N, C-alpha and C. Protein backbone atom coordinates (compact mmCIF):
# COMPACT_ATOMS: atom_id res chain seq x y z
N MET A 1 43.65 31.39 29.19
CA MET A 1 42.31 31.54 29.11
C MET A 1 41.95 31.62 27.63
N ILE A 2 40.75 31.00 27.29
CA ILE A 2 40.25 30.93 25.92
C ILE A 2 39.81 32.33 25.48
N ASP A 3 40.03 32.66 24.28
CA ASP A 3 39.58 34.01 23.74
C ASP A 3 38.19 33.81 23.28
N LEU A 4 37.29 34.56 23.96
CA LEU A 4 35.84 34.45 23.69
C LEU A 4 35.54 34.83 22.28
N GLY A 5 36.27 35.73 21.57
CA GLY A 5 35.98 36.08 20.26
C GLY A 5 36.07 34.91 19.33
N TRP A 6 36.99 33.91 19.50
CA TRP A 6 37.05 32.84 18.57
C TRP A 6 35.88 31.90 18.73
N ILE A 7 35.31 31.77 19.82
CA ILE A 7 34.10 30.95 19.90
C ILE A 7 32.93 31.43 19.05
N GLY A 8 32.76 32.66 18.80
CA GLY A 8 31.82 33.29 17.89
C GLY A 8 32.17 32.97 16.34
N VAL A 9 33.48 33.01 16.04
CA VAL A 9 33.94 32.66 14.68
C VAL A 9 33.63 31.07 14.48
N TRP A 10 34.01 30.36 15.46
CA TRP A 10 33.76 28.88 15.26
C TRP A 10 32.26 28.49 15.21
N LEU A 11 31.46 29.16 15.88
CA LEU A 11 30.09 29.00 15.80
C LEU A 11 29.52 29.43 14.45
N LEU A 12 30.05 30.54 13.90
CA LEU A 12 29.66 31.03 12.60
C LEU A 12 30.02 29.97 11.53
N VAL A 13 31.32 29.44 11.62
CA VAL A 13 31.79 28.34 10.63
C VAL A 13 30.92 27.16 10.80
N PHE A 14 30.70 26.72 12.01
CA PHE A 14 29.88 25.52 12.23
C PHE A 14 28.36 25.78 11.64
N GLY A 15 27.78 26.88 11.86
CA GLY A 15 26.49 27.16 11.36
C GLY A 15 26.43 27.23 9.82
N ALA A 16 27.44 27.82 9.28
CA ALA A 16 27.63 27.89 7.78
C ALA A 16 27.69 26.47 7.33
N ALA A 17 28.56 25.60 7.95
CA ALA A 17 28.71 24.27 7.41
C ALA A 17 27.34 23.55 7.51
N VAL A 18 26.66 23.75 8.58
CA VAL A 18 25.27 22.91 8.69
C VAL A 18 24.40 23.46 7.64
N ILE A 19 24.37 24.73 7.37
CA ILE A 19 23.49 25.28 6.39
C ILE A 19 23.88 24.69 5.01
N LEU A 20 25.17 24.59 4.72
CA LEU A 20 25.67 24.03 3.38
C LEU A 20 25.19 22.58 3.20
N VAL A 21 25.31 21.77 4.31
CA VAL A 21 24.81 20.37 4.39
C VAL A 21 23.40 20.36 4.02
N GLU A 22 22.59 21.18 4.76
CA GLU A 22 21.09 21.23 4.53
C GLU A 22 20.68 21.58 3.08
N LEU A 23 21.54 22.53 2.51
CA LEU A 23 21.28 22.89 1.09
C LEU A 23 21.55 21.75 0.15
N ILE A 24 22.66 20.98 0.42
CA ILE A 24 22.99 19.87 -0.41
C ILE A 24 21.91 18.77 -0.28
N LEU A 25 21.39 18.46 0.88
CA LEU A 25 20.38 17.57 1.07
C LEU A 25 19.08 17.93 0.40
N ALA A 26 18.71 19.27 0.46
CA ALA A 26 17.49 19.76 -0.05
C ALA A 26 17.60 19.66 -1.55
N GLY A 27 18.76 19.93 -2.14
CA GLY A 27 19.01 19.80 -3.59
C GLY A 27 18.83 18.40 -4.07
N ILE A 28 19.34 17.47 -3.36
CA ILE A 28 19.25 15.99 -3.70
C ILE A 28 17.75 15.60 -3.58
N TRP A 29 17.17 15.98 -2.57
CA TRP A 29 15.61 15.68 -2.36
C TRP A 29 14.92 16.25 -3.58
N SER A 30 15.18 17.55 -3.85
CA SER A 30 14.40 18.25 -4.94
C SER A 30 14.52 17.46 -6.14
N VAL A 31 15.81 16.96 -6.57
CA VAL A 31 15.94 16.27 -7.81
C VAL A 31 15.26 14.99 -7.83
N ARG A 32 15.25 14.26 -6.67
CA ARG A 32 14.42 13.04 -6.58
C ARG A 32 12.89 13.28 -6.83
N ILE A 33 12.41 14.29 -6.17
CA ILE A 33 11.04 14.73 -6.31
C ILE A 33 10.65 14.96 -7.72
N ALA A 34 11.57 15.78 -8.39
CA ALA A 34 11.32 16.18 -9.82
C ALA A 34 11.30 14.91 -10.71
N ASN A 35 12.22 14.01 -10.42
CA ASN A 35 12.21 12.77 -11.22
C ASN A 35 10.97 11.92 -10.95
N ARG A 36 10.63 11.85 -9.80
CA ARG A 36 9.30 11.13 -9.48
C ARG A 36 8.13 11.77 -10.03
N SER A 37 8.12 13.13 -10.01
CA SER A 37 6.93 13.72 -10.66
C SER A 37 6.85 13.66 -12.14
N ARG A 38 8.13 13.57 -12.83
CA ARG A 38 8.05 13.35 -14.21
C ARG A 38 7.49 11.94 -14.53
N VAL A 39 7.99 10.96 -13.70
CA VAL A 39 7.47 9.55 -13.96
C VAL A 39 5.90 9.46 -13.78
N LEU A 40 5.49 10.15 -12.84
CA LEU A 40 4.01 10.20 -12.47
C LEU A 40 3.22 10.93 -13.46
N ARG A 41 3.86 11.94 -14.08
CA ARG A 41 3.12 12.76 -15.11
C ARG A 41 3.04 11.91 -16.52
N VAL A 42 4.03 11.06 -16.73
CA VAL A 42 4.00 10.21 -17.87
C VAL A 42 2.85 9.15 -17.67
N ARG A 43 2.85 8.56 -16.46
CA ARG A 43 1.93 7.52 -16.10
C ARG A 43 0.46 8.06 -16.15
N LEU A 44 0.36 9.35 -15.63
CA LEU A 44 -0.93 9.89 -15.66
C LEU A 44 -1.42 10.12 -17.14
N MET A 45 -0.44 10.68 -17.93
CA MET A 45 -0.92 10.93 -19.35
C MET A 45 -1.31 9.57 -19.93
N SER A 46 -0.67 8.57 -19.79
CA SER A 46 -1.08 7.28 -20.44
C SER A 46 -2.42 6.84 -19.88
N GLU A 47 -2.59 6.91 -18.62
CA GLU A 47 -3.92 6.58 -18.12
C GLU A 47 -5.06 7.43 -18.60
N GLN A 48 -4.74 8.76 -18.85
CA GLN A 48 -5.77 9.60 -19.38
C GLN A 48 -6.14 9.22 -20.79
N ALA A 49 -5.09 8.82 -21.62
CA ALA A 49 -5.38 8.42 -22.93
C ALA A 49 -6.20 7.10 -22.88
N GLN A 50 -5.92 6.21 -21.99
CA GLN A 50 -6.76 4.97 -21.97
C GLN A 50 -8.09 5.28 -21.55
N LEU A 51 -8.31 6.24 -20.61
CA LEU A 51 -9.73 6.59 -20.26
C LEU A 51 -10.43 7.26 -21.34
N ARG A 52 -9.71 8.18 -22.06
CA ARG A 52 -10.49 8.76 -23.16
C ARG A 52 -10.97 7.75 -24.23
N SER A 53 -10.01 6.79 -24.58
CA SER A 53 -10.37 5.71 -25.51
C SER A 53 -11.49 4.91 -25.04
N ALA A 54 -11.54 4.60 -23.75
CA ALA A 54 -12.66 3.89 -23.23
C ALA A 54 -13.94 4.63 -23.19
N VAL A 55 -13.93 6.03 -22.91
CA VAL A 55 -15.16 6.79 -23.08
C VAL A 55 -15.55 6.82 -24.42
N GLU A 56 -14.68 6.95 -25.40
CA GLU A 56 -15.07 7.01 -26.76
C GLU A 56 -15.78 5.67 -27.22
N ARG A 57 -15.15 4.56 -26.73
CA ARG A 57 -15.84 3.19 -27.08
C ARG A 57 -17.23 3.13 -26.49
N MET A 58 -17.39 3.65 -25.21
CA MET A 58 -18.70 3.63 -24.62
C MET A 58 -19.62 4.40 -25.34
N ASN A 59 -19.26 5.65 -25.80
CA ASN A 59 -20.17 6.52 -26.48
C ASN A 59 -20.63 5.84 -27.82
N GLU A 60 -19.68 5.21 -28.52
CA GLU A 60 -19.97 4.42 -29.68
C GLU A 60 -20.90 3.36 -29.47
N SER A 61 -20.79 2.63 -28.36
CA SER A 61 -21.72 1.54 -27.97
C SER A 61 -23.05 2.03 -27.69
N LEU A 62 -23.15 3.24 -26.92
CA LEU A 62 -24.38 3.89 -26.60
C LEU A 62 -25.14 4.20 -27.96
N VAL A 63 -24.52 4.79 -28.84
CA VAL A 63 -25.01 5.13 -30.11
C VAL A 63 -25.47 3.93 -30.85
N GLU A 64 -24.67 2.87 -30.86
CA GLU A 64 -25.26 1.68 -31.53
C GLU A 64 -26.43 1.06 -30.83
N MET A 65 -26.41 1.13 -29.47
CA MET A 65 -27.52 0.52 -28.74
C MET A 65 -28.81 1.41 -28.96
N GLN A 66 -28.64 2.68 -29.10
CA GLN A 66 -29.86 3.41 -29.40
C GLN A 66 -30.41 3.05 -30.83
N VAL A 67 -29.56 2.80 -31.85
CA VAL A 67 -29.93 2.43 -33.07
C VAL A 67 -30.73 1.02 -33.07
N LEU A 68 -30.10 0.19 -32.25
CA LEU A 68 -30.64 -1.19 -32.11
C LEU A 68 -32.02 -1.15 -31.43
N TRP A 69 -32.22 -0.33 -30.39
CA TRP A 69 -33.57 -0.26 -29.74
C TRP A 69 -34.46 0.67 -30.31
N GLN A 70 -34.29 1.21 -31.39
CA GLN A 70 -35.16 2.20 -32.02
C GLN A 70 -36.50 1.50 -32.38
N PRO A 71 -36.46 0.36 -33.01
CA PRO A 71 -37.80 -0.28 -33.30
C PRO A 71 -38.78 -0.57 -32.05
N TYR A 72 -38.08 -0.70 -30.89
CA TYR A 72 -38.82 -1.06 -29.75
C TYR A 72 -39.00 0.35 -28.86
N ARG A 73 -38.78 1.41 -29.42
CA ARG A 73 -38.98 2.69 -28.59
C ARG A 73 -40.44 2.86 -28.12
N ARG A 74 -41.41 2.59 -29.05
CA ARG A 74 -42.73 2.90 -28.64
C ARG A 74 -43.19 1.82 -27.68
N LEU A 75 -42.80 0.54 -27.89
CA LEU A 75 -43.18 -0.47 -26.76
C LEU A 75 -42.62 -0.06 -25.43
N LEU A 76 -41.36 0.38 -25.30
CA LEU A 76 -40.72 0.74 -24.17
C LEU A 76 -41.52 1.99 -23.51
N ARG A 77 -41.87 2.89 -24.32
CA ARG A 77 -42.67 4.10 -23.78
C ARG A 77 -43.95 3.59 -23.08
N TRP A 78 -44.63 2.69 -23.79
CA TRP A 78 -45.90 2.12 -23.37
C TRP A 78 -45.73 1.38 -22.00
N LEU A 79 -44.56 0.56 -21.97
CA LEU A 79 -44.38 -0.24 -20.84
C LEU A 79 -43.94 0.80 -19.52
N GLY A 80 -43.42 1.91 -19.81
CA GLY A 80 -43.02 2.69 -18.66
C GLY A 80 -44.12 3.69 -18.29
N HIS A 81 -45.23 3.63 -18.97
CA HIS A 81 -46.36 4.58 -18.61
C HIS A 81 -46.88 4.20 -17.30
N PRO A 82 -47.22 5.10 -16.41
CA PRO A 82 -47.75 4.79 -15.15
C PRO A 82 -49.03 3.96 -15.07
N LEU A 83 -49.93 4.18 -16.06
CA LEU A 83 -51.16 3.41 -16.09
C LEU A 83 -50.80 2.02 -16.47
N THR A 84 -49.85 1.65 -17.34
CA THR A 84 -49.47 0.41 -17.75
C THR A 84 -48.91 -0.35 -16.57
N ILE A 85 -48.06 0.35 -15.78
CA ILE A 85 -47.47 -0.26 -14.55
C ILE A 85 -48.50 -0.57 -13.56
N ALA A 86 -49.52 0.33 -13.32
CA ALA A 86 -50.66 0.09 -12.43
C ALA A 86 -51.36 -1.16 -12.82
N LEU A 87 -51.66 -1.28 -14.16
CA LEU A 87 -52.41 -2.41 -14.63
C LEU A 87 -51.67 -3.75 -14.40
N MET A 88 -50.35 -3.79 -14.62
CA MET A 88 -49.62 -4.93 -14.43
C MET A 88 -49.57 -5.25 -12.88
N GLN A 89 -49.56 -4.28 -12.07
CA GLN A 89 -49.51 -4.54 -10.62
C GLN A 89 -50.81 -5.09 -10.20
N SER A 90 -51.89 -4.68 -10.80
CA SER A 90 -53.20 -5.08 -10.51
C SER A 90 -53.33 -6.62 -10.96
N PHE A 91 -52.84 -6.95 -12.09
CA PHE A 91 -52.85 -8.32 -12.49
C PHE A 91 -52.08 -9.23 -11.57
N ALA A 92 -50.95 -8.67 -11.10
CA ALA A 92 -50.06 -9.43 -10.14
C ALA A 92 -50.77 -9.74 -8.87
N ARG A 93 -51.46 -8.65 -8.25
CA ARG A 93 -52.24 -8.80 -7.04
C ARG A 93 -53.28 -9.86 -7.26
N ARG A 94 -54.02 -9.76 -8.44
CA ARG A 94 -55.07 -10.72 -8.63
C ARG A 94 -54.52 -12.14 -8.65
N ARG A 95 -53.46 -12.42 -9.39
CA ARG A 95 -52.84 -13.67 -9.42
C ARG A 95 -52.44 -14.19 -8.12
N ALA A 96 -51.90 -13.26 -7.25
CA ALA A 96 -51.42 -13.60 -5.89
C ALA A 96 -52.59 -13.92 -5.10
N ALA A 97 -53.68 -13.27 -5.20
CA ALA A 97 -54.86 -13.52 -4.45
C ALA A 97 -55.63 -14.82 -4.82
N ALA A 98 -55.46 -15.26 -6.12
CA ALA A 98 -56.06 -16.48 -6.64
C ALA A 98 -55.26 -17.69 -6.04
N ARG A 99 -54.13 -17.59 -5.71
CA ARG A 99 -53.31 -18.73 -5.25
C ARG A 99 -53.68 -19.06 -3.78
């Protein structure tokens, strides 16, 4: 007859072996994840640098555009006034009614 005490020992050894295999797999996966995260971090930093430079160029363009539109600022203010808009709409209605 089989000694039942040895079954427990073999189950303990088998369980320890399974745990050891899981630890090895977890270590390998952790190293892969760490390597991928480093690659992604480098890619993200380069994308952020490109984004910052694009925002800086856009701000420079906005400043330049404000300087270029400065002589027309008063005209744009007049054209955006509600009474001017109403007058233009009135002219458009009259023109449409005359056709």
